[in-house]
Amino acid sequence: MTTQIKEQILAYGHKNITALHPTTLMITKDKELTKQGDCIIAINADKAGPDLSPEFKQKLQNPNTKINITIETNKLTEHITAHGSTELLNLNNPKDLVIRKSNFTSERTLAIKANKAAKDLPRELIKTLENPNQQIKITLTLT
């Protein structure tokens, strides 16, 4: 039986969410956003790397670990799959979690080899995320 480890993040939309970045998407604890943050899909998050459980971070350091990311609003749900890596050593950034299509890692990288980036998300979802009152539930499930 495969053990699943889950983390849930609550965040919010913002009027400047454009989600046009072709290779990454990001969730941030920042409360404001400029149009230049084209990879950001959610702000004012209640968790970043240091807030994730040690068990979650340890399992994420295995390249065989798959991470399923579910983004939910009151109207829409989107699914992304990505992978862990031995290079994800610390997740120490206190504000940002980045999901990447590439293999690049940094202290902000949550997952690599994702099947979607910000630009790949349905425009109907992005329209919903432009509402600053929109709560976003992001569920991270490791298998």
N, C-alpha and C. Protein backbone atom coordinates (compact mmCIF):
# COMPACT_ATOMS: atom_id res chain seq x y z
N MET A 1 0.83 -1.17 0.00
CA MET A 1 0.00 0.00 0.00
C MET A 1 0.89 1.25 0.00
N THR A 2 0.56 2.21 -0.85
CA THR A 2 1.31 3.44 -0.96
C THR A 2 0.85 4.42 0.11
N THR A 3 1.81 4.97 0.83
CA THR A 3 1.49 5.95 1.86
C THR A 3 1.40 7.33 1.22
N GLN A 4 0.35 8.04 1.55
CA GLN A 4 0.19 9.41 1.07
C GLN A 4 0.45 10.38 2.21
N ILE A 5 1.14 11.45 1.88
CA ILE A 5 1.37 12.53 2.84
C ILE A 5 0.77 13.78 2.21
N LYS A 6 -0.06 14.47 2.97
CA LYS A 6 -0.75 15.64 2.43
C LYS A 6 -0.43 16.91 3.21
N GLU A 7 -0.43 18.00 2.48
CA GLU A 7 -0.35 19.34 3.06
C GLU A 7 -1.43 20.17 2.38
N GLN A 8 -2.04 21.06 3.11
CA GLN A 8 -3.04 21.94 2.53
C GLN A 8 -2.62 23.39 2.77
N ILE A 9 -2.75 24.19 1.72
CA ILE A 9 -2.40 25.61 1.79
C ILE A 9 -3.65 26.41 1.42
N LEU A 10 -3.94 27.43 2.21
CA LEU A 10 -5.02 28.35 1.88
C LEU A 10 -4.40 29.66 1.45
N ALA A 11 -4.89 30.20 0.32
CA ALA A 11 -4.36 31.44 -0.23
C ALA A 11 -5.51 32.21 -0.88
N TYR A 12 -5.17 33.31 -1.52
CA TYR A 12 -6.19 34.16 -2.13
C TYR A 12 -5.77 34.63 -3.51
N GLY A 13 -6.76 35.05 -4.26
CA GLY A 13 -6.53 35.63 -5.57
C GLY A 13 -6.09 37.08 -5.45
N HIS A 14 -5.83 37.68 -6.61
CA HIS A 14 -5.42 39.09 -6.68
C HIS A 14 -5.71 39.61 -8.07
N LYS A 15 -6.07 40.89 -8.16
CA LYS A 15 -6.44 41.49 -9.45
C LYS A 15 -5.31 41.45 -10.47
N ASN A 16 -4.05 41.35 -10.03
CA ASN A 16 -2.91 41.35 -10.96
C ASN A 16 -2.43 39.96 -11.36
N ILE A 17 -3.16 38.93 -11.01
CA ILE A 17 -2.76 37.58 -11.44
C ILE A 17 -2.99 37.46 -12.94
N THR A 18 -1.90 37.15 -13.65
CA THR A 18 -1.98 36.95 -15.11
C THR A 18 -1.68 35.52 -15.50
N ALA A 19 -0.85 34.83 -14.71
CA ALA A 19 -0.49 33.43 -14.95
C ALA A 19 -0.06 33.20 -16.39
N LEU A 20 0.96 33.92 -16.83
CA LEU A 20 1.45 33.80 -18.19
C LEU A 20 2.83 33.17 -18.31
N HIS A 21 3.43 32.83 -17.18
CA HIS A 21 4.79 32.27 -17.22
C HIS A 21 4.77 30.88 -17.85
N PRO A 22 5.68 30.61 -18.79
CA PRO A 22 5.64 29.33 -19.51
C PRO A 22 6.27 28.14 -18.81
N THR A 23 7.07 28.37 -17.75
CA THR A 23 7.79 27.24 -17.16
C THR A 23 7.61 27.07 -15.65
N THR A 24 6.99 28.04 -14.97
CA THR A 24 6.83 27.92 -13.51
C THR A 24 5.45 28.39 -13.08
N LEU A 25 5.10 28.03 -11.86
CA LEU A 25 3.97 28.67 -11.18
C LEU A 25 4.36 28.80 -9.72
N MET A 26 3.82 29.84 -9.07
CA MET A 26 4.25 30.13 -7.71
C MET A 26 3.07 30.50 -6.82
N ILE A 27 3.20 30.10 -5.57
CA ILE A 27 2.29 30.47 -4.49
C ILE A 27 3.13 31.27 -3.51
N THR A 28 2.61 32.40 -3.05
CA THR A 28 3.42 33.26 -2.17
C THR A 28 2.64 33.72 -0.94
N LYS A 29 3.37 33.99 0.11
CA LYS A 29 2.78 34.58 1.31
C LYS A 29 2.63 36.09 1.17
N ASP A 30 3.26 36.67 0.16
CA ASP A 30 3.14 38.11 -0.05
C ASP A 30 1.67 38.50 -0.15
N LYS A 31 1.36 39.69 0.30
CA LYS A 31 -0.02 40.16 0.29
C LYS A 31 -0.33 41.03 -0.93
N GLU A 32 0.70 41.45 -1.65
CA GLU A 32 0.52 42.27 -2.85
C GLU A 32 1.23 41.62 -4.03
N LEU A 33 0.82 42.05 -5.23
CA LEU A 33 1.36 41.46 -6.45
C LEU A 33 1.35 42.51 -7.55
N THR A 34 2.47 42.60 -8.27
CA THR A 34 2.51 43.46 -9.46
C THR A 34 2.30 42.59 -10.69
N LYS A 35 2.05 43.20 -11.81
CA LYS A 35 1.84 42.47 -13.07
C LYS A 35 3.11 41.71 -13.49
N GLN A 36 4.25 42.11 -12.95
CA GLN A 36 5.51 41.44 -13.31
C GLN A 36 5.58 40.03 -12.73
N GLY A 37 4.79 39.73 -11.72
CA GLY A 37 4.78 38.41 -11.11
C GLY A 37 3.91 37.45 -11.91
N ASP A 38 4.29 37.21 -13.15
CA ASP A 38 3.42 36.46 -14.06
C ASP A 38 3.39 34.95 -13.82
N CYS A 39 4.18 34.46 -12.86
CA CYS A 39 4.11 33.04 -12.52
C CYS A 39 3.22 32.80 -11.30
N ILE A 40 2.85 33.87 -10.59
CA ILE A 40 2.10 33.75 -9.33
C ILE A 40 0.63 33.46 -9.60
N ILE A 41 0.12 32.43 -8.92
CA ILE A 41 -1.29 32.06 -9.08
C ILE A 41 -2.09 32.27 -7.79
N ALA A 42 -1.40 32.55 -6.67
CA ALA A 42 -2.08 32.74 -5.39
C ALA A 42 -1.18 33.53 -4.46
N ILE A 43 -1.80 34.43 -3.67
CA ILE A 43 -1.04 35.25 -2.72
C ILE A 43 -1.60 35.05 -1.31
N ASN A 44 -0.94 35.67 -0.35
CA ASN A 44 -1.39 35.65 1.05
C ASN A 44 -1.58 34.21 1.54
N ALA A 45 -0.68 33.33 1.11
CA ALA A 45 -0.76 31.91 1.49
C ALA A 45 -0.46 31.74 2.97
N ASP A 46 -1.04 30.72 3.56
CA ASP A 46 -0.79 30.47 4.98
C ASP A 46 0.41 29.56 5.24
N LYS A 47 1.06 29.09 4.15
CA LYS A 47 2.25 28.25 4.30
C LYS A 47 3.25 28.53 3.20
N ALA A 48 4.53 28.34 3.55
CA ALA A 48 5.64 28.31 2.61
C ALA A 48 6.52 27.14 3.04
N GLY A 49 7.69 27.02 2.47
CA GLY A 49 8.56 25.88 2.74
C GLY A 49 8.78 25.55 4.21
N PRO A 50 9.16 26.54 5.05
CA PRO A 50 9.42 26.23 6.46
C PRO A 50 8.18 25.73 7.22
N ASP A 51 6.99 25.97 6.68
CA ASP A 51 5.75 25.57 7.35
C ASP A 51 5.32 24.14 7.02
N LEU A 52 5.96 23.53 6.04
CA LEU A 52 5.62 22.15 5.66
C LEU A 52 6.23 21.18 6.66
N SER A 53 5.56 20.06 6.87
CA SER A 53 6.03 19.10 7.87
C SER A 53 7.36 18.48 7.47
N PRO A 54 8.19 18.13 8.45
CA PRO A 54 9.47 17.47 8.15
C PRO A 54 9.25 16.18 7.35
N GLU A 55 8.20 15.43 7.67
CA GLU A 55 7.90 14.19 6.96
C GLU A 55 7.62 14.47 5.48
N PHE A 56 6.86 15.52 5.20
CA PHE A 56 6.54 15.91 3.83
C PHE A 56 7.82 16.27 3.08
N LYS A 57 8.65 17.13 3.69
CA LYS A 57 9.88 17.57 3.04
C LYS A 57 10.86 16.41 2.80
N GLN A 58 10.92 15.49 3.75
CA GLN A 58 11.83 14.35 3.60
C GLN A 58 11.40 13.48 2.42
N LYS A 59 10.12 13.19 2.32
CA LYS A 59 9.62 12.35 1.21
C LYS A 59 9.80 13.06 -0.12
N LEU A 60 9.69 14.37 -0.14
CA LEU A 60 9.83 15.16 -1.36
C LEU A 60 11.25 15.10 -1.90
N GLN A 61 12.21 14.75 -1.06
CA GLN A 61 13.61 14.67 -1.48
C GLN A 61 13.92 13.38 -2.25
N ASN A 62 12.92 12.55 -2.47
CA ASN A 62 13.09 11.32 -3.24
C ASN A 62 12.64 11.58 -4.68
N PRO A 63 13.51 11.33 -5.68
CA PRO A 63 13.12 11.59 -7.08
C PRO A 63 11.98 10.69 -7.56
N ASN A 64 11.71 9.62 -6.85
CA ASN A 64 10.60 8.73 -7.21
C ASN A 64 9.26 9.21 -6.64
N THR A 65 9.30 10.23 -5.81
CA THR A 65 8.08 10.76 -5.21
C THR A 65 7.32 11.59 -6.24
N LYS A 66 6.05 11.31 -6.37
CA LYS A 66 5.18 12.07 -7.25
C LYS A 66 4.35 13.00 -6.36
N ILE A 67 4.18 14.23 -6.82
CA ILE A 67 3.36 15.18 -6.08
C ILE A 67 2.17 15.57 -6.95
N ASN A 68 1.00 15.39 -6.39
CA ASN A 68 -0.24 15.81 -7.04
C ASN A 68 -0.67 17.11 -6.39
N ILE A 69 -0.84 18.13 -7.20
CA ILE A 69 -1.21 19.46 -6.73
C ILE A 69 -2.62 19.74 -7.21
N THR A 70 -3.53 19.99 -6.29
CA THR A 70 -4.91 20.30 -6.63
C THR A 70 -5.18 21.74 -6.23
N ILE A 71 -5.64 22.52 -7.19
CA ILE A 71 -5.97 23.93 -6.97
C ILE A 71 -7.48 24.03 -7.05
N GLU A 72 -8.10 24.46 -5.94
CA GLU A 72 -9.56 24.52 -5.88
C GLU A 72 -10.05 25.93 -5.54
N THR A 73 -11.04 26.38 -6.29
CA THR A 73 -11.78 27.59 -5.95
C THR A 73 -13.21 27.14 -5.68
N ASN A 74 -14.08 28.09 -5.41
CA ASN A 74 -15.47 27.70 -5.16
C ASN A 74 -16.16 27.20 -6.43
N LYS A 75 -15.56 27.42 -7.60
CA LYS A 75 -16.18 27.01 -8.87
C LYS A 75 -15.38 25.97 -9.64
N LEU A 76 -14.06 26.01 -9.54
CA LEU A 76 -13.22 25.23 -10.43
C LEU A 76 -12.13 24.47 -9.67
N THR A 77 -11.70 23.37 -10.28
CA THR A 77 -10.60 22.56 -9.74
C THR A 77 -9.64 22.24 -10.87
N GLU A 78 -8.35 22.33 -10.57
CA GLU A 78 -7.32 22.01 -11.56
C GLU A 78 -6.30 21.10 -10.90
N HIS A 79 -5.75 20.16 -11.69
CA HIS A 79 -4.77 19.19 -11.18
C HIS A 79 -3.45 19.33 -11.93
N ILE A 80 -2.37 19.27 -11.17
CA ILE A 80 -1.02 19.32 -11.72
C ILE A 80 -0.24 18.16 -11.10
N THR A 81 0.61 17.54 -11.89
CA THR A 81 1.50 16.52 -11.33
C THR A 81 2.94 16.98 -11.53
N ALA A 82 3.78 16.64 -10.56
CA ALA A 82 5.20 16.99 -10.62
C ALA A 82 5.96 15.93 -9.82
N HIS A 83 7.25 16.19 -9.62
CA HIS A 83 8.10 15.20 -8.96
C HIS A 83 9.01 15.85 -7.93
N GLY A 84 9.43 15.02 -6.99
CA GLY A 84 10.42 15.43 -6.01
C GLY A 84 11.80 15.31 -6.60
N SER A 85 12.81 15.61 -5.79
CA SER A 85 14.19 15.55 -6.25
C SER A 85 15.12 15.51 -5.05
N THR A 86 16.26 14.84 -5.21
CA THR A 86 17.28 14.85 -4.16
C THR A 86 17.86 16.26 -4.00
N GLU A 87 17.66 17.12 -4.99
CA GLU A 87 18.16 18.50 -4.93
C GLU A 87 17.27 19.42 -4.10
N LEU A 88 16.09 18.97 -3.71
CA LEU A 88 15.19 19.80 -2.89
C LEU A 88 15.60 19.65 -1.43
N LEU A 89 16.67 20.30 -1.09
CA LEU A 89 17.30 20.04 0.20
C LEU A 89 16.72 20.80 1.38
N ASN A 90 16.15 21.99 1.12
CA ASN A 90 15.78 22.73 2.32
C ASN A 90 14.39 23.36 2.32
N LEU A 91 13.89 23.81 1.20
CA LEU A 91 12.61 24.54 1.17
C LEU A 91 12.59 25.60 2.28
N ASN A 92 13.66 26.39 2.34
CA ASN A 92 13.81 27.37 3.41
C ASN A 92 13.22 28.73 3.12
N ASN A 93 12.79 28.99 1.89
CA ASN A 93 12.28 30.32 1.59
C ASN A 93 11.03 30.58 2.42
N PRO A 94 11.00 31.66 3.18
CA PRO A 94 9.88 31.90 4.09
C PRO A 94 8.61 32.42 3.41
N LYS A 95 8.66 32.69 2.10
CA LYS A 95 7.50 33.29 1.43
C LYS A 95 6.95 32.51 0.25
N ASP A 96 7.82 31.86 -0.55
CA ASP A 96 7.40 31.36 -1.85
C ASP A 96 7.57 29.85 -2.01
N LEU A 97 6.63 29.27 -2.76
CA LEU A 97 6.74 27.88 -3.20
C LEU A 97 6.60 27.89 -4.72
N VAL A 98 7.60 27.34 -5.41
CA VAL A 98 7.62 27.35 -6.87
C VAL A 98 7.56 25.93 -7.41
N ILE A 99 6.70 25.73 -8.39
CA ILE A 99 6.58 24.46 -9.10
C ILE A 99 7.12 24.72 -10.50
N ARG A 100 8.02 23.86 -10.95
CA ARG A 100 8.74 24.09 -12.21
C ARG A 100 8.56 22.94 -13.20
N LYS A 101 8.50 23.28 -14.47
CA LYS A 101 8.51 22.27 -15.52
C LYS A 101 9.92 21.70 -15.71
N SER A 102 10.91 22.50 -15.39
CA SER A 102 12.31 22.11 -15.58
C SER A 102 12.83 21.30 -14.38
N ASN A 103 14.13 21.03 -14.41
CA ASN A 103 14.80 20.34 -13.29
C ASN A 103 15.46 21.32 -12.34
N PHE A 104 15.37 22.63 -12.61
CA PHE A 104 16.04 23.63 -11.79
C PHE A 104 15.49 23.62 -10.37
N THR A 105 16.38 23.75 -9.40
CA THR A 105 15.95 23.82 -8.00
C THR A 105 16.61 25.00 -7.30
N SER A 106 15.92 25.51 -6.30
CA SER A 106 16.44 26.57 -5.43
C SER A 106 15.73 26.39 -4.09
N GLU A 107 15.98 27.29 -3.16
CA GLU A 107 15.33 27.18 -1.84
C GLU A 107 13.82 27.40 -1.94
N ARG A 108 13.33 27.90 -3.08
CA ARG A 108 11.90 28.14 -3.28
C ARG A 108 11.21 26.98 -4.00
N THR A 109 11.97 26.06 -4.56
CA THR A 109 11.40 25.01 -5.39
C THR A 109 10.68 23.96 -4.56
N LEU A 110 9.40 23.77 -4.85
CA LEU A 110 8.59 22.73 -4.22
C LEU A 110 8.66 21.44 -5.02
N ALA A 111 8.62 21.55 -6.35
CA ALA A 111 8.58 20.36 -7.20
C ALA A 111 9.13 20.70 -8.58
N ILE A 112 9.59 19.66 -9.29
CA ILE A 112 10.14 19.82 -10.64
C ILE A 112 9.41 18.88 -11.60
N LYS A 113 9.74 19.02 -12.88
CA LYS A 113 9.18 18.18 -13.94
C LYS A 113 7.64 18.19 -13.92
N ALA A 114 7.08 19.38 -13.68
CA ALA A 114 5.62 19.52 -13.62
C ALA A 114 5.02 19.40 -15.02
N ASN A 115 3.79 18.92 -15.08
CA ASN A 115 3.12 18.81 -16.38
C ASN A 115 2.44 20.11 -16.79
N LYS A 116 2.43 21.11 -15.90
CA LYS A 116 1.83 22.40 -16.21
C LYS A 116 2.59 23.51 -15.50
N ALA A 117 2.58 24.68 -16.15
CA ALA A 117 3.08 25.91 -15.54
C ALA A 117 1.91 26.89 -15.51
N ALA A 118 2.15 28.10 -15.05
CA ALA A 118 1.07 29.09 -14.93
C ALA A 118 0.34 29.29 -16.26
N LYS A 119 1.08 29.39 -17.34
CA LYS A 119 0.49 29.64 -18.67
C LYS A 119 -0.44 28.51 -19.13
N ASP A 120 -0.22 27.31 -18.61
CA ASP A 120 -1.01 26.14 -19.03
C ASP A 120 -2.34 26.01 -18.29
N LEU A 121 -2.56 26.81 -17.28
CA LEU A 121 -3.81 26.73 -16.52
C LEU A 121 -4.95 27.31 -17.35
N PRO A 122 -6.15 26.73 -17.21
CA PRO A 122 -7.29 27.23 -17.99
C PRO A 122 -7.57 28.70 -17.67
N ARG A 123 -7.84 29.47 -18.71
CA ARG A 123 -8.10 30.90 -18.54
C ARG A 123 -9.33 31.15 -17.68
N GLU A 124 -10.27 30.24 -17.69
CA GLU A 124 -11.46 30.38 -16.83
C GLU A 124 -11.03 30.36 -15.35
N LEU A 125 -10.08 29.51 -15.02
CA LEU A 125 -9.56 29.47 -13.65
C LEU A 125 -8.82 30.78 -13.33
N ILE A 126 -8.01 31.27 -14.25
CA ILE A 126 -7.25 32.49 -14.00
C ILE A 126 -8.20 33.67 -13.78
N LYS A 127 -9.27 33.72 -14.54
CA LYS A 127 -10.27 34.78 -14.34
C LYS A 127 -10.80 34.74 -12.91
N THR A 128 -11.05 33.55 -12.39
CA THR A 128 -11.51 33.39 -11.01
C THR A 128 -10.43 33.84 -10.01
N LEU A 129 -9.17 33.53 -10.32
CA LEU A 129 -8.06 33.87 -9.42
C LEU A 129 -7.77 35.37 -9.39
N GLU A 130 -8.33 36.13 -10.34
CA GLU A 130 -8.16 37.59 -10.35
C GLU A 130 -9.00 38.28 -9.28
N ASN A 131 -9.89 37.55 -8.65
CA ASN A 131 -10.75 38.11 -7.61
C ASN A 131 -10.01 38.07 -6.27
N PRO A 132 -9.73 39.23 -5.67
CA PRO A 132 -8.99 39.24 -4.39
C PRO A 132 -9.75 38.60 -3.23
N ASN A 133 -11.04 38.43 -3.36
CA ASN A 133 -11.82 37.76 -2.32
C ASN A 133 -11.91 36.26 -2.51
N GLN A 134 -11.35 35.77 -3.61
CA GLN A 134 -11.43 34.34 -3.92
C GLN A 134 -10.44 33.56 -3.06
N GLN A 135 -10.95 32.69 -2.20
CA GLN A 135 -10.07 31.81 -1.44
C GLN A 135 -9.69 30.64 -2.34
N ILE A 136 -8.43 30.24 -2.24
CA ILE A 136 -7.89 29.14 -3.06
C ILE A 136 -7.36 28.09 -2.11
N LYS A 137 -7.82 26.87 -2.30
CA LYS A 137 -7.31 25.74 -1.51
C LYS A 137 -6.36 24.95 -2.40
N ILE A 138 -5.13 24.82 -1.95
CA ILE A 138 -4.13 24.07 -2.69
C ILE A 138 -3.76 22.85 -1.85
N THR A 139 -4.02 21.67 -2.40
CA THR A 139 -3.71 20.44 -1.68
C THR A 139 -2.52 19.77 -2.37
N LEU A 140 -1.51 19.47 -1.58
CA LEU A 140 -0.30 18.81 -2.05
C LEU A 140 -0.32 17.39 -1.52
N THR A 141 -0.34 16.41 -2.41
CA THR A 141 -0.38 15.01 -2.01
C THR A 141 0.83 14.30 -2.58
N LEU A 142 1.64 13.72 -1.70
CA LEU A 142 2.83 12.96 -2.11
C LEU A 142 2.51 11.48 -2.13
N THR A 143 2.96 10.81 -3.19
CA THR A 143 2.83 9.34 -3.27
C THR A 143 4.13 8.73 -3.72
